[in-house]
């Protein structure tokens, strides 16, 4: 039984770090430039993240690395459909981008998407709660074994 509980504990604890840092990507046109911002879900900039822009034929039209703020800019590509890819320390994401040829109205600002950061404190509470449940189960099982009376050898 102890091996089963230790295996369960190892699975629960080893599975969590893989989802600890989801990488997020935001792209917007800023005048004649395309600005790409990459960050982890805890709002830490993805410094040095590799960023690639591919056209519809999967040809690379631009590539670069994010600066210390997680930002990279490139000249605005010609109108068309693109896929922006970013990867950093084993985490990757991509986003489709459509660049049209219609001029923006005077003073119109690009819509900025907020990062889907999640709640780091909630992740910590859930992790600590999972550990507490495992320890409570182990404690309950060990306590139950100690309180079982020994049966006499001749009883049915």
Protein backbone atom coordinates (compact mmCIF):
# COMPACT_ATOMS: atom_id res chain seq x y z
CA UNK A 1 0.00 0.00 0.00
CA UNK A 2 2.86 2.34 0.81
CA UNK A 3 4.31 1.88 -2.69
CA UNK A 4 0.94 2.75 -4.26
CA UNK A 5 0.68 5.95 -2.23
CA UNK A 6 4.27 6.95 -2.96
CA UNK A 7 3.71 6.30 -6.66
CA UNK A 8 0.54 8.40 -6.58
CA UNK A 9 2.39 11.18 -4.80
CA UNK A 10 5.22 11.07 -7.35
CA UNK A 11 2.78 11.22 -10.27
CA UNK A 12 0.88 14.16 -8.77
CA UNK A 13 4.02 16.11 -7.99
CA UNK A 14 5.93 15.33 -11.19
CA UNK A 15 3.06 16.23 -13.53
CA UNK A 16 2.59 19.80 -12.28
CA UNK A 17 5.86 21.54 -13.24
CA UNK A 18 5.22 20.95 -16.96
CA UNK A 19 2.24 23.31 -16.89
CA UNK A 20 3.80 25.85 -14.55
CA UNK A 21 4.93 28.16 -17.35
CA UNK A 22 2.57 28.48 -20.25
CA UNK A 23 3.96 30.88 -22.82
CA UNK A 24 1.65 33.59 -24.15
CA UNK A 25 2.00 35.57 -27.36
CA UNK A 26 0.51 38.92 -28.32
CA UNK A 27 0.98 40.54 -31.72
CA UNK A 28 -0.19 43.93 -32.94
CA UNK A 29 0.52 46.41 -35.65
CA UNK A 30 2.22 49.57 -34.44
CA UNK A 31 2.43 51.90 -37.41
CA UNK A 32 4.66 50.28 -40.02
CA UNK A 33 5.94 47.67 -37.57
CA UNK A 34 4.61 44.40 -36.23
CA UNK A 35 5.23 44.21 -32.50
CA UNK A 36 5.28 40.77 -30.85
CA UNK A 37 5.28 40.36 -27.09
CA UNK A 38 5.90 37.03 -25.39
CA UNK A 39 5.58 36.29 -21.69
CA UNK A 40 4.95 33.39 -19.38
CA UNK A 41 1.57 33.07 -17.67
CA UNK A 42 3.00 34.59 -14.48
CA UNK A 43 3.77 37.79 -16.49
CA UNK A 44 7.50 37.09 -16.58
CA UNK A 45 8.89 38.28 -19.94
CA UNK A 46 10.11 35.42 -22.14
CA UNK A 47 13.58 36.88 -22.63
CA UNK A 48 15.40 35.50 -25.63
CA UNK A 49 12.35 33.64 -26.92
CA UNK A 50 12.73 32.67 -30.58
CA UNK A 51 9.99 34.23 -32.70
CA UNK A 52 9.21 33.14 -36.26
CA UNK A 53 6.66 34.51 -38.71
CA UNK A 54 5.59 32.14 -41.50
CA UNK A 55 3.38 32.86 -44.49
CA UNK A 56 0.61 30.60 -45.84
CA UNK A 57 3.19 28.42 -47.62
CA UNK A 58 5.06 27.86 -44.33
CA UNK A 59 7.96 30.00 -45.56
CA UNK A 60 9.74 32.05 -42.91
CA UNK A 61 9.26 35.75 -43.66
CA UNK A 62 10.84 37.10 -40.47
CA UNK A 63 12.49 35.75 -37.33
CA UNK A 64 14.24 37.09 -34.28
CA UNK A 65 14.61 36.96 -30.51
CA UNK A 66 12.65 38.77 -27.81
CA UNK A 67 14.53 41.37 -25.78
CA UNK A 68 14.72 41.48 -21.96
CA UNK A 69 11.12 42.77 -21.87
CA UNK A 70 9.89 39.91 -24.08
CA UNK A 71 9.33 42.24 -27.05
CA UNK A 72 10.42 41.89 -30.66
CA UNK A 73 9.52 44.11 -33.62
CA UNK A 74 9.84 43.66 -37.35
CA UNK A 75 8.70 45.67 -40.37
CA UNK A 76 5.02 45.07 -41.15
CA UNK A 77 4.67 42.18 -43.61
CA UNK A 78 2.69 42.63 -46.82
CA UNK A 79 -1.05 41.88 -46.55
CA UNK A 80 -1.78 38.19 -46.12
CA UNK A 81 -2.23 35.37 -43.61
CA UNK A 82 0.61 34.52 -41.26
CA UNK A 83 1.40 32.29 -38.32
CA UNK A 84 3.54 33.68 -35.54
CA UNK A 85 5.41 31.09 -33.49
CA UNK A 86 7.33 31.61 -30.26
CA UNK A 87 9.35 29.18 -28.20
CA UNK A 88 11.43 29.56 -25.07
CA UNK A 89 12.98 27.00 -22.71
CA UNK A 90 10.89 24.14 -24.03
CA UNK A 91 7.58 26.01 -24.15
CA UNK A 92 5.98 26.94 -27.47
CA UNK A 93 2.91 28.73 -28.74
CA UNK A 94 1.59 30.10 -32.01
CA UNK A 95 -1.06 32.49 -33.23
CA UNK A 96 -2.57 33.20 -36.62
CA UNK A 97 -2.42 36.75 -37.92
CA UNK A 98 -4.26 38.32 -40.83
CA UNK A 99 -2.83 41.54 -42.20
CA UNK A 100 -5.27 43.35 -44.44
CA UNK A 101 -4.64 46.24 -46.78
CA UNK A 102 -7.44 48.49 -45.49
CA UNK A 103 -6.01 51.65 -43.88
CA UNK A 104 -6.95 52.29 -40.25
CA UNK A 105 -9.17 55.21 -39.40
CA UNK A 106 -7.41 58.27 -37.97
CA UNK A 107 -6.71 57.75 -34.27
CA UNK A 108 -7.90 54.12 -34.20
CA UNK A 109 -5.89 52.07 -31.75
CA UNK A 110 -5.19 48.36 -32.18
CA UNK A 111 -7.07 46.20 -29.72
CA UNK A 112 -4.74 44.88 -27.08
CA UNK A 113 -5.38 41.45 -25.62
CA UNK A 114 -4.61 41.06 -21.96
CA UNK A 115 -2.47 38.11 -20.99
CA UNK A 116 -4.43 35.15 -19.77
CA UNK A 117 -2.26 35.00 -16.70
CA UNK A 118 -4.35 32.84 -14.48
CA UNK A 119 -3.85 33.10 -10.76
CA UNK A 120 -0.47 31.86 -9.52
CA UNK A 121 -1.68 31.90 -5.90
CA UNK A 122 -4.57 29.61 -6.85
CA UNK A 123 -2.17 27.13 -8.45
CA UNK A 124 -0.09 27.13 -5.25
CA UNK A 125 -3.16 26.57 -3.06
CA UNK A 126 -4.33 23.67 -5.24
CA UNK A 127 -0.85 22.10 -5.16
CA UNK A 128 -0.55 22.41 -1.39
CA UNK A 129 -4.11 21.08 -1.01
CA UNK A 130 -3.26 18.02 -3.13
CA UNK A 131 -0.20 17.32 -0.98
CA UNK A 132 -2.28 17.72 2.20
CA UNK A 133 -4.88 15.25 0.91
CA UNK A 134 -2.21 12.65 0.14
CA UNK A 135 -0.67 13.02 3.59
CA UNK A 136 -4.13 12.85 5.24
CA UNK A 137 -4.90 9.59 3.41
CA UNK A 138 -1.55 8.11 4.47
CA UNK A 139 -2.09 9.22 8.07
CA UNK A 140 -5.65 7.82 8.12
CA UNK A 141 -4.55 4.45 6.71
CA UNK A 142 -1.65 4.14 9.16
CA UNK A 143 -3.86 5.13 12.09
CA UNK A 144 -6.50 2.58 11.07
CA UNK A 145 -3.94 -0.24 10.99
CA UNK A 146 -2.70 0.55 14.47
CA UNK A 147 -6.21 0.40 15.97
CA UNK A 148 -7.25 -2.97 14.51
CA UNK A 149 -7.38 -5.62 17.28
CA UNK A 150 -5.56 -8.86 16.66
CA UNK A 151 -7.93 -11.76 16.09
CA UNK A 152 -7.30 -14.99 17.98
CA UNK A 153 -5.91 -17.80 15.84
CA UNK A 154 -8.93 -20.08 16.37
CA UNK A 155 -11.73 -17.60 15.54
CA UNK A 156 -13.80 -17.97 12.35
